[in-house]
C-alpha cells in the first residue's frame, strides 16, 4: 500500500455540485461492471442536496444527505467527505447556501394525508416515497390523516399563524380546496394566513394539478425533492359567489362538458383515467349542449397578445409580501371584490351573450389540470387574470374529438374551433335544466355563479419560482 492510499481523499465544491471521490460510494458489482472503468470522482448536483452538516464521527468531515434521482424516483442517500481547508461548519453552510439559494431549508410542514383520495394509497405513498426525503432534509413534520369530508377545512380554520411554512396535501385536488377555504374563513386573520403559509401537493389523486403545474411530475419522491427545494411564490386565487355563498377556488370552474365529465362519470371511477375518454365519446356522439347566459370582462382573446403576455410574465419572479405588508391586509379575502357578487347587476363594460348550444366553458388558473390535460397553456400564477377554454355545440363531432386530443398538449389554443382568452371575471347563468357545475372538482348547485380574481391572495411552493413551462407559444404568431 502506498502513502497516497493512506491519505484522506478530498471532496471539493464545483460550479454545479459537489465533486466527491468515487471511493466514497458503494458500487454494485455485475458481470458487465467488471469491464467498466470506474470514475475517480462523482458529482452531486447542488439541486439534489438535502442537507449538509459537520460529521459527528469525524470532526474534519462533512455529512451530506442528497437525493439520488432517476427518471421516476428519488432515493435519499448519505455520503461523508473531507474538504481541503476551511472550518467544516463554514463549508457545510456554504454547501447549504448553494443547495437552497432563495429557498428556505429545514421547512416546517403540516402534512395532510387523505387515506381515501385517488387510489386510496396516500398514507403508504407518503410513508415510503416522501417521508424519508423530508427527514433527510431535517424538515419538521406534523402528519395528520383526514377522517371525514371537510376535515381539512376544519384544520385550515384552526392552524396557528406562525407554526408552519407549508401545508403538503397528500391527496388529489380536494384537500387543497378544503384547506384553502378553511384558512380563508378565519375572520381575524384569514387573508394573513393565506399569505403566510404555502400550499403544495404530494401527488396521490387522479388529477394532481398542483404537482404537475408546479413540479412537472406525478412521482411522489421527485415531487417531494422539489417541494423541499421550493420557494414560496405569490399566486392568484379566485372568488366564487353563488347566492349568498362565498368560496375560494384555486384551480378551475367548469360549465358544460368538462363539468359533466368530472362529476358525471364518478360511477366509472373504477376505470381510472379511461372514464373521461368513455364519457367524452358518449357526450360528443349525443351532441349534448348546456344552454346559458355568459357575461365576461375580457382582457384579451388575441393569440399574439396572449403569446407576448405569457413570455413576459412566466419569467417574472415575484417575492411574497413582507410581514409588515401582510399585517395591513383586510382579514376578509372577499372584502375588496372589484365586481361585487352574483347578486349585483352585471357591470356595463362586460360582454353579455346567450348561448343555447354552449358545449364547454372552462376557466382556471393552472396550466395542467391533470397529467393528460394541459387545459390552460398560457396560465400565469400571478397575472391577475383567469384563462378560458371554450367552444359551442356547433363544433362537429370530429372537430370536438380533435379538440379534446389537442388539449392533452395545450395545442387546442391554436385550433379555430376553440376559443381561448384571458379575462378578469365572468358570470354564468344556467338556462333550463342541466346536470353539473364543478368548482375545483366539487359539485355546486345549478344556479348562477360569478367568479373574479383574488390577486396574489395565496402562496405555493414552486421549485422554479413559477409554473413549469407549458411550451406555449407553440408557433410564431
Protein backbone atom coordinates (compact mmCIF):
# COMPACT_ATOMS: atom_id res chain seq x y z
CA UNK A 1 0.00 0.00 0.00
CA UNK A 2 1.38 3.40 -1.00
CA UNK A 3 1.48 6.52 1.16
CA UNK A 4 -1.08 8.08 -1.24
CA UNK A 5 -3.63 5.40 -0.34
CA UNK A 6 -3.28 6.30 3.35
CA UNK A 7 -4.15 9.99 2.77
CA UNK A 8 -7.82 11.09 3.03
CA UNK A 9 -9.39 11.66 -0.39
CA UNK A 10 -10.84 15.15 -0.51
CA UNK A 11 -14.10 16.45 -1.94
CA UNK A 12 -14.46 19.91 -3.47
CA UNK A 13 -17.13 22.46 -4.34
CA UNK A 14 -17.72 22.60 -8.08
CA UNK A 15 -19.69 25.12 -10.08
CA UNK A 16 -22.86 22.98 -10.21
CA UNK A 17 -22.32 20.44 -7.48
CA UNK A 18 -20.04 18.67 -5.02
CA UNK A 19 -17.17 16.71 -6.53
CA UNK A 20 -16.77 13.65 -4.30
CA UNK A 21 -14.21 10.80 -4.66
CA UNK A 22 -15.91 7.74 -6.14
CA UNK A 23 -14.42 5.60 -3.37
CA UNK A 24 -16.99 7.18 -1.06
CA UNK A 25 -19.80 5.41 -2.91
CA UNK A 26 -20.73 1.77 -2.90
CA UNK A 27 -20.82 0.16 -6.33
CA UNK A 28 -22.94 -2.84 -7.22
CA UNK A 29 -20.91 -5.50 -8.94
CA UNK A 30 -22.21 -7.17 -12.06
CA UNK A 31 -20.55 -9.12 -14.83
CA UNK A 32 -20.76 -6.05 -17.05
CA UNK A 33 -19.29 -3.71 -14.41
CA UNK A 34 -16.13 -5.83 -14.19
CA UNK A 35 -15.13 -4.47 -17.60
CA UNK A 36 -16.19 -0.85 -16.98
CA UNK A 37 -13.82 1.93 -15.96
CA UNK A 38 -15.00 3.39 -12.68
CA UNK A 39 -14.84 7.22 -12.50
CA UNK A 40 -12.46 8.67 -9.96
CA UNK A 41 -14.96 11.29 -8.84
CA UNK A 42 -18.74 11.69 -8.83
CA UNK A 43 -20.65 14.98 -8.89
CA UNK A 44 -23.68 15.51 -6.65
CA UNK A 45 -25.74 18.37 -8.08
CA UNK A 46 -26.46 21.14 -5.58
CA UNK A 47 -30.14 20.98 -6.52
CA UNK A 48 -30.24 17.40 -5.21
CA UNK A 49 -28.51 18.10 -1.88
CA UNK A 50 -30.91 17.88 1.05
CA UNK A 51 -28.68 18.73 4.00
CA UNK A 52 -25.04 19.24 4.97
CA UNK A 53 -23.56 19.32 8.47
CA UNK A 54 -20.27 18.51 10.23
CA UNK A 55 -19.89 14.79 10.81
CA UNK A 56 -20.37 13.65 14.41
CA UNK A 57 -17.93 10.77 13.90
CA UNK A 58 -15.16 12.73 12.20
CA UNK A 59 -14.74 16.39 13.12
CA UNK A 60 -12.77 17.06 9.93
CA UNK A 61 -15.50 15.76 7.58
CA UNK A 62 -18.98 16.76 6.49
CA UNK A 63 -22.06 14.54 6.31
CA UNK A 64 -24.08 15.24 3.16
CA UNK A 65 -27.62 13.96 2.58
CA UNK A 66 -28.82 14.06 -1.01
CA UNK A 67 -31.43 12.66 -3.36
CA UNK A 68 -30.31 10.07 -5.87
CA UNK A 69 -32.60 11.00 -8.76
CA UNK A 70 -33.68 8.79 -11.67
CA UNK A 71 -36.39 9.42 -14.25
CA UNK A 72 -39.10 8.05 -11.98
CA UNK A 73 -37.88 8.31 -8.39
CA UNK A 74 -35.64 9.99 -5.84
CA UNK A 75 -33.97 7.98 -3.06
CA UNK A 76 -32.28 9.62 -0.05
CA UNK A 77 -28.61 8.76 0.37
CA UNK A 78 -25.71 9.96 2.53
CA UNK A 79 -22.01 10.46 1.95
CA UNK A 80 -19.29 11.66 4.37
CA UNK A 81 -16.39 13.55 2.84
CA UNK A 82 -13.48 15.77 3.88
CA UNK A 83 -12.73 19.10 2.23
CA UNK A 84 -9.37 20.79 1.77
CA UNK A 85 -9.08 23.65 4.25
CA UNK A 86 -11.81 25.64 5.92
CA UNK A 87 -13.87 25.03 9.01
CA UNK A 88 -16.30 22.11 8.40
CA UNK A 89 -19.22 24.11 9.81
CA UNK A 90 -18.45 27.01 7.46
CA UNK A 91 -18.11 24.66 4.48
CA UNK A 92 -21.41 22.98 5.39
CA UNK A 93 -23.09 26.41 5.49
CA UNK A 94 -21.67 27.22 2.05
CA UNK A 95 -22.97 23.94 0.67
CA UNK A 96 -26.43 24.66 2.10
CA UNK A 97 -26.45 28.13 0.54
CA UNK A 98 -25.56 26.69 -2.85
CA UNK A 99 -28.13 23.91 -2.41
CA UNK A 100 -31.08 26.11 -1.42
CA UNK A 101 -30.41 29.60 -2.77
CA UNK A 102 -33.53 31.69 -2.09
CA UNK A 103 -35.49 28.69 -0.80
CA UNK A 104 -35.83 28.06 2.93
CA UNK A 105 -34.11 24.92 4.28
CA UNK A 106 -35.50 22.80 7.13
CA UNK A 107 -39.07 23.73 6.26
CA UNK A 108 -41.86 23.18 8.77
CA UNK A 109 -44.55 21.08 7.09
CA UNK A 110 -48.10 20.30 8.09
CA UNK A 111 -48.80 17.04 6.24
CA UNK A 112 -52.47 16.33 5.44
CA UNK A 113 -52.99 12.74 4.30
CA UNK A 114 -56.30 11.78 2.70
CA UNK A 115 -56.46 7.98 3.03
CA UNK A 116 -59.46 7.78 0.68
CA UNK A 117 -58.20 10.05 -2.09
CA UNK A 118 -57.38 8.77 -5.57
CA UNK A 119 -56.37 5.13 -5.41
CA UNK A 120 -56.50 5.06 -1.60
CA UNK A 121 -52.75 4.67 -1.09
CA UNK A 122 -51.87 8.19 0.08
CA UNK A 123 -50.65 7.12 3.54
CA UNK A 124 -48.37 4.47 2.07
CA UNK A 125 -47.07 6.82 -0.64
CA UNK A 126 -46.16 9.43 1.96
CA UNK A 127 -44.52 6.95 4.32
CA UNK A 128 -42.28 5.27 1.76
CA UNK A 129 -41.75 7.84 -1.01
CA UNK A 130 -41.86 11.19 0.75
CA UNK A 131 -41.16 10.99 4.48
CA UNK A 132 -37.60 9.58 4.18
CA UNK A 133 -36.57 12.54 2.00
CA UNK A 134 -38.19 15.05 4.34
CA UNK A 135 -36.40 13.50 7.32
CA UNK A 136 -33.08 13.52 5.45
CA UNK A 137 -33.59 17.25 4.79
CA UNK A 138 -34.18 17.86 8.53
CA UNK A 139 -37.69 19.17 7.87
CA UNK A 140 -40.15 19.46 10.74
CA UNK A 141 -43.24 17.31 10.18
CA UNK A 142 -46.71 17.19 11.71
CA UNK A 143 -48.66 14.42 10.00
CA UNK A 144 -52.46 14.45 10.22
CA UNK A 145 -54.71 11.90 8.50
CA UNK A 146 -58.11 13.29 7.48
CA UNK A 147 -61.04 11.24 8.75
CA UNK A 148 -64.10 12.82 7.13
CA UNK A 149 -65.23 15.23 4.44
CA UNK A 150 -64.31 18.85 5.18
CA UNK A 151 -61.84 17.71 7.86
CA UNK A 152 -59.07 19.58 6.03
CA UNK A 153 -61.28 22.69 6.00
CA UNK A 154 -61.70 22.40 9.77
CA UNK A 155 -57.92 22.02 10.16
CA UNK A 156 -57.29 25.07 7.96
CA UNK A 157 -59.56 27.16 10.17
CA UNK A 158 -57.51 26.26 13.27
CA UNK A 159 -53.90 26.44 12.03
CA UNK A 160 -51.61 28.56 14.26
CA UNK A 161 -50.34 31.55 12.32
CA UNK A 162 -46.59 31.08 12.78
CA UNK A 163 -46.26 27.31 13.18
CA UNK A 164 -45.79 26.13 9.57
CA UNK A 165 -44.02 27.19 6.39
CA UNK A 166 -46.11 24.98 4.14
CA UNK A 167 -49.04 22.57 4.04
CA UNK A 168 -48.40 19.43 2.00
CA UNK A 169 -51.64 17.89 0.74
CA UNK A 170 -51.17 14.15 0.21
CA UNK A 171 -54.21 13.79 -1.98
CA UNK A 172 -55.79 14.81 -5.24
CA UNK A 173 -57.25 18.30 -5.65
CA UNK A 174 -59.96 18.04 -2.98
CA UNK A 175 -57.78 18.57 0.10
CA UNK A 176 -56.10 21.77 -1.24
CA UNK A 177 -59.56 23.19 -1.95
CA UNK A 178 -60.73 22.38 1.56
CA UNK A 179 -57.72 23.64 3.47
CA UNK A 180 -57.51 26.89 1.48
CA UNK A 181 -61.16 27.63 2.23
CA UNK A 182 -60.65 26.77 5.89
CA UNK A 183 -57.79 29.24 6.07
CA UNK A 184 -59.79 31.91 4.23
CA UNK A 185 -62.75 31.50 6.62
CA UNK A 186 -60.91 32.90 9.63
CA UNK A 187 -62.47 36.30 10.47
CA UNK A 188 -59.45 37.64 12.35
CA UNK A 189 -56.59 36.71 10.03
CA UNK A 190 -57.79 34.69 7.01
CA UNK A 191 -56.04 36.80 4.38
CA UNK A 192 -52.89 36.98 6.52
CA UNK A 193 -52.73 33.19 6.92
CA UNK A 194 -53.12 32.61 3.17
CA UNK A 195 -50.18 34.96 2.60
CA UNK A 196 -48.03 33.27 5.26
CA UNK A 197 -48.32 29.51 4.67
CA UNK A 198 -47.62 27.97 1.26
CA UNK A 199 -49.71 25.16 -0.25
CA UNK A 200 -48.14 22.22 -2.05
CA UNK A 201 -49.20 18.73 -3.14
CA UNK A 202 -47.85 15.21 -2.92
CA UNK A 203 -49.48 13.56 -5.97
CA UNK A 204 -51.81 10.91 -4.57
CA UNK A 205 -55.00 11.53 -6.56
CA UNK A 206 -56.29 11.31 -10.11
CA UNK A 207 -55.82 14.98 -11.04
CA UNK A 208 -52.77 16.26 -9.13
CA UNK A 209 -52.93 19.66 -10.83
CA UNK A 210 -50.68 21.39 -8.28
CA UNK A 211 -47.94 18.80 -8.64
CA UNK A 212 -47.98 18.85 -12.43
CA UNK A 213 -48.14 22.64 -12.71
CA UNK A 214 -45.50 23.37 -10.05
CA UNK A 215 -43.24 20.31 -10.18
CA UNK A 216 -43.96 18.71 -13.56
CA UNK A 217 -44.24 15.19 -12.16
CA UNK A 218 -46.55 12.54 -10.77
CA UNK A 219 -43.63 10.87 -8.95
CA UNK A 220 -44.18 11.36 -5.22
CA UNK A 221 -40.48 11.19 -4.38
CA UNK A 222 -39.36 13.60 -7.11
CA UNK A 223 -42.20 15.96 -6.17
CA UNK A 224 -41.00 15.81 -2.55
CA UNK A 225 -37.47 16.80 -3.55
CA UNK A 226 -38.85 19.76 -5.49
CA UNK A 227 -41.06 20.84 -2.57
CA UNK A 228 -38.12 20.61 -0.18
CA UNK A 229 -36.22 22.90 -2.57
CA UNK A 230 -39.24 25.02 -3.49
CA UNK A 231 -39.66 28.63 -2.53
CA UNK A 232 -42.89 30.39 -1.67
CA UNK A 233 -44.38 32.36 -4.56
CA UNK A 234 -47.46 34.63 -4.55
CA UNK A 235 -50.36 33.24 -6.57
CA UNK A 236 -53.82 34.35 -7.59
CA UNK A 237 -56.87 32.59 -6.24
CA UNK A 238 -60.41 33.11 -7.50
CA UNK A 239 -63.51 34.23 -5.59
CA UNK A 240 -66.70 32.34 -6.44
CA UNK A 241 -70.04 33.80 -5.37
CA UNK A 242 -73.28 31.85 -5.70
CA UNK A 243 -76.36 33.11 -3.88
CA UNK A 244 -75.02 34.18 -0.50
CA UNK A 245 -72.18 31.65 -0.62
CA UNK A 246 -68.52 32.73 -0.92
CA UNK A 247 -65.85 30.22 -1.91
CA UNK A 248 -62.15 30.45 -2.78
CA UNK A 249 -61.20 28.47 -5.89
CA UNK A 250 -57.56 27.62 -6.58
CA UNK A 251 -57.91 25.50 -9.72
CA UNK A 252 -60.87 25.75 -12.08
CA UNK A 253 -64.57 26.24 -12.69
CA UNK A 254 -66.40 24.16 -15.27
CA UNK A 255 -69.75 24.54 -17.01
CA UNK A 256 -70.66 22.07 -19.75
CA UNK A 257 -68.67 19.10 -20.99
CA UNK A 258 -65.75 19.24 -18.52
CA UNK A 259 -68.09 19.51 -15.51
CA UNK A 260 -70.13 16.63 -16.91
CA UNK A 261 -67.00 14.52 -17.36
CA UNK A 262 -65.60 15.44 -13.96
CA UNK A 263 -68.74 14.80 -11.91
CA UNK A 264 -70.95 12.75 -14.22
CA UNK A 265 -68.53 9.84 -14.55
CA UNK A 266 -68.00 9.17 -10.83
CA UNK A 267 -69.72 5.78 -11.28
CA UNK A 268 -66.90 4.87 -13.71
CA UNK A 269 -64.07 5.75 -11.32
CA UNK A 270 -63.00 2.08 -11.32
CA UNK A 271 -61.85 2.67 -14.93
CA UNK A 272 -59.21 5.18 -13.86
CA UNK A 273 -58.44 7.92 -16.39
CA UNK A 274 -60.28 5.97 -19.11
CA UNK A 275 -63.58 7.09 -17.58
CA UNK A 276 -63.08 10.57 -19.03
CA UNK A 277 -62.46 9.16 -22.50
CA UNK A 278 -65.55 6.96 -22.37
CA UNK A 279 -67.66 9.80 -21.02
CA UNK A 280 -66.38 12.27 -23.62
CA UNK A 281 -67.11 9.94 -26.54
CA UNK A 282 -70.69 9.37 -25.33
CA UNK A 283 -71.40 13.08 -24.92
CA UNK A 284 -69.78 14.09 -28.22
CA UNK A 285 -71.82 11.48 -30.09
CA UNK A 286 -75.01 12.82 -28.49
CA UNK A 287 -74.00 16.45 -29.25
CA UNK A 288 -75.00 17.45 -25.74
CA UNK A 289 -75.43 21.19 -25.18
CA UNK A 290 -75.50 23.27 -21.99
CA UNK A 291 -77.55 26.48 -22.54
CA UNK A 292 -76.57 29.52 -20.51
CA UNK A 293 -76.12 33.27 -20.41
CA UNK A 294 -72.48 34.30 -20.19
CA UNK A 295 -71.22 37.69 -19.01
CA UNK A 296 -67.47 38.27 -19.30
CA UNK A 297 -64.96 41.02 -18.56
CA UNK A 298 -62.47 40.24 -21.35
CA UNK A 299 -58.79 41.16 -21.13
CA UNK A 300 -57.70 39.68 -24.48
CA UNK A 301 -58.58 36.87 -26.88
CA UNK A 302 -55.89 37.73 -29.45
CA UNK A 303 -53.40 34.85 -29.58
CA UNK A 304 -50.50 37.20 -30.37
CA UNK A 305 -51.24 39.24 -27.26
CA UNK A 306 -51.59 36.00 -25.28
CA UNK A 307 -48.16 34.93 -26.53
CA UNK A 308 -46.49 38.23 -25.57
CA UNK A 309 -48.22 38.23 -22.19
CA UNK A 310 -47.10 34.68 -21.42
CA UNK A 311 -43.48 35.24 -22.41
CA UNK A 312 -43.36 38.39 -20.29
CA UNK A 313 -44.89 37.01 -17.09
CA UNK A 314 -43.76 33.36 -17.00
CA UNK A 315 -40.20 34.51 -16.22
CA UNK A 316 -41.36 37.13 -13.73
CA UNK A 317 -40.30 36.13 -10.21
CA UNK A 318 -42.33 37.84 -7.51
CA UNK A 319 -41.49 37.75 -3.80
CA UNK A 320 -44.12 37.22 -1.08
CA UNK A 321 -45.34 40.19 0.92
CA UNK A 322 -43.29 41.30 3.88
CA UNK A 323 -44.65 40.73 7.40
CA UNK A 324 -45.42 44.45 7.61
CA UNK A 325 -47.43 44.33 4.37
CA UNK A 326 -49.28 41.18 5.46
CA UNK A 327 -50.28 42.82 8.75
CA UNK A 328 -52.01 45.63 6.84
CA UNK A 329 -54.29 43.28 4.83
CA UNK A 330 -58.03 43.16 5.41
CA UNK A 331 -58.57 39.75 7.06
CA UNK A 332 -61.63 39.11 4.87
CA UNK A 333 -60.39 37.90 1.47
CA UNK A 334 -63.77 38.78 -0.05
CA UNK A 335 -63.84 42.34 1.32
CA UNK A 336 -62.46 44.04 -1.76
CA UNK A 337 -64.13 42.21 -4.65
CA UNK A 338 -63.81 44.51 -7.67
CA UNK A 339 -67.04 43.36 -9.30
CA UNK A 340 -69.19 42.56 -6.28
CA UNK A 341 -71.17 39.33 -6.21
CA UNK A 342 -73.51 37.35 -8.41
CA UNK A 343 -76.38 39.23 -6.72
CA UNK A 344 -75.21 42.59 -8.08
CA UNK A 345 -76.08 43.99 -11.53
CA UNK A 346 -73.73 42.95 -14.35
CA UNK A 347 -71.21 45.76 -14.98
CA UNK A 348 -71.86 47.78 -18.14
CA UNK A 349 -68.44 47.04 -19.68
CA UNK A 350 -68.88 43.26 -19.64
CA UNK A 351 -69.68 41.30 -22.81
CA UNK A 352 -73.04 39.52 -22.42
CA UNK A 353 -74.32 36.76 -24.68
CA UNK A 354 -76.83 33.93 -24.61
CA UNK A 355 -75.85 30.53 -25.97
CA UNK A 356 -78.37 27.74 -26.38
CA UNK A 357 -75.65 25.49 -27.81
CA UNK A 358 -72.77 26.03 -25.37
CA UNK A 359 -70.71 22.85 -25.17
CA UNK A 360 -67.95 23.88 -22.79
CA UNK A 361 -66.98 26.95 -20.76
CA UNK A 362 -63.93 26.03 -18.72
CA UNK A 363 -61.94 28.52 -16.65
CA UNK A 364 -58.85 28.18 -14.47
CA UNK A 365 -55.54 29.43 -13.09
CA UNK A 366 -53.23 26.43 -13.57
CA UNK A 367 -51.77 25.14 -16.83
CA UNK A 368 -52.19 21.44 -16.07
CA UNK A 369 -55.44 20.19 -14.57
CA UNK A 370 -54.18 16.60 -14.79
CA UNK A 371 -51.29 14.66 -16.29
CA UNK A 372 -53.04 14.39 -19.65
CA UNK A 373 -54.79 17.76 -19.76
CA UNK A 374 -52.86 20.97 -20.42
CA UNK A 375 -56.10 22.91 -20.49
CA UNK A 376 -54.64 26.38 -19.86
CA UNK A 377 -51.19 26.53 -21.50
CA UNK A 378 -51.00 30.34 -21.19
CA UNK A 379 -51.79 30.39 -17.44
CA UNK A 380 -49.59 32.54 -15.19
CA UNK A 381 -49.59 32.20 -11.38
CA UNK A 382 -49.86 35.91 -10.57
CA UNK A 383 -51.04 37.89 -13.60
CA UNK A 384 -54.42 38.80 -12.12
CA UNK A 385 -56.30 37.07 -14.94
CA UNK A 386 -58.32 33.88 -15.49
CA UNK A 387 -57.73 31.69 -18.54
CA UNK A 388 -60.74 30.41 -20.51
CA UNK A 389 -61.11 27.42 -22.85
CA UNK A 390 -64.49 27.30 -24.64
CA UNK A 391 -66.41 26.01 -27.64
CA UNK A 392 -70.08 25.67 -28.61
CA UNK A 393 -72.27 22.82 -29.80
CA UNK A 394 -71.89 23.82 -33.46
CA UNK A 395 -68.47 22.17 -33.45
CA UNK A 396 -68.70 18.91 -35.39
CA UNK A 397 -68.07 15.55 -33.77
CA UNK A 398 -64.68 15.01 -35.42
CA UNK A 399 -63.56 18.56 -34.55
CA UNK A 400 -64.69 18.03 -30.95
CA UNK A 401 -62.64 14.84 -30.72
CA UNK A 402 -59.60 16.62 -32.23
CA UNK A 403 -60.06 19.45 -29.75
CA UNK A 404 -60.05 17.12 -26.75
CA UNK A 405 -56.99 15.29 -28.07
CA UNK A 406 -55.19 18.60 -28.67
CA UNK A 407 -55.99 19.74 -25.12
CA UNK A 408 -53.70 16.98 -23.80
CA UNK A 409 -50.73 19.04 -25.03
CA UNK A 410 -52.29 22.52 -24.93
CA UNK A 411 -52.40 22.86 -28.70
CA UNK A 412 -56.16 23.41 -28.73
CA UNK A 413 -55.22 27.06 -28.23
CA UNK A 414 -54.30 27.13 -31.94
CA UNK A 415 -57.47 25.42 -33.25
CA UNK A 416 -60.01 27.71 -34.98
CA UNK A 417 -62.96 25.78 -33.49
CA UNK A 418 -61.85 26.56 -29.94
CA UNK A 419 -61.98 29.82 -28.06
CA UNK A 420 -59.20 30.85 -25.67
CA UNK A 421 -58.97 34.12 -23.80
CA UNK A 422 -57.81 35.80 -20.63
CA UNK A 423 -60.48 37.51 -18.56
CA UNK A 424 -60.84 39.40 -15.29
CA UNK A 425 -64.20 37.99 -14.26
CA UNK A 426 -67.32 36.23 -15.53
CA UNK A 427 -70.85 35.18 -14.63
CA UNK A 428 -72.68 32.05 -15.80
CA UNK A 429 -76.49 31.91 -15.62
CA UNK A 430 -77.84 28.45 -16.48
CA UNK A 431 -80.84 28.29 -18.80
CA UNK A 432 -83.20 25.40 -18.21
CA UNK A 433 -82.13 22.15 -16.59
CA UNK A 434 -78.54 20.99 -16.51
CA UNK A 435 -76.51 18.44 -14.61
CA UNK A 436 -73.36 19.86 -13.08
CA UNK A 437 -71.31 22.89 -12.07
CA UNK A 438 -67.80 21.95 -10.96
CA UNK A 439 -65.63 24.21 -8.79
CA UNK A 440 -62.19 22.68 -8.17
CA UNK A 441 -63.80 19.32 -8.88
CA UNK A 442 -66.53 19.86 -6.27
CA UNK A 443 -70.24 19.81 -7.23
CA UNK A 444 -72.15 23.09 -6.86
CA UNK A 445 -75.90 23.81 -7.29
CA UNK A 446 -77.20 24.58 -10.78
CA UNK A 447 -77.59 28.27 -10.08
CA UNK A 448 -75.96 31.47 -11.37
CA UNK A 449 -72.38 31.93 -10.20
CA UNK A 450 -69.79 34.68 -10.60
CA UNK A 451 -66.00 34.41 -10.48
CA UNK A 452 -63.28 37.04 -10.26
CA UNK A 453 -59.58 37.02 -9.46
CA UNK A 454 -58.21 37.43 -5.96
CA UNK A 455 -54.81 38.89 -6.96
CA UNK A 456 -51.82 37.28 -5.23
CA UNK A 457 -54.03 36.07 -2.39
CA UNK A 458 -52.08 32.89 -1.61
CA UNK A 459 -48.73 31.10 -1.73
CA UNK A 460 -47.48 27.93 -3.42
CA UNK A 461 -44.14 26.16 -3.12
CA UNK A 462 -42.55 26.31 -6.58
CA UNK A 463 -39.20 24.74 -7.42
CA UNK A 464 -38.62 27.08 -10.37
CA UNK A 465 -40.24 30.14 -8.78
CA UNK A 466 -43.13 29.93 -11.25
CA UNK A 467 -45.20 27.35 -13.14
CA UNK A 468 -43.47 24.67 -15.19
CA UNK A 469 -43.14 25.96 -18.75
CA UNK A 470 -46.02 24.65 -20.87
CA UNK A 471 -44.29 25.08 -24.24
CA UNK A 472 -46.62 27.93 -25.26
CA UNK A 473 -46.39 29.69 -27.66
CA UNK A 474 -46.33 26.63 -29.88
CA UNK A 475 -45.52 28.63 -33.01
CA UNK A 476 -44.67 32.16 -34.10
CA UNK A 477 -47.79 34.32 -34.37
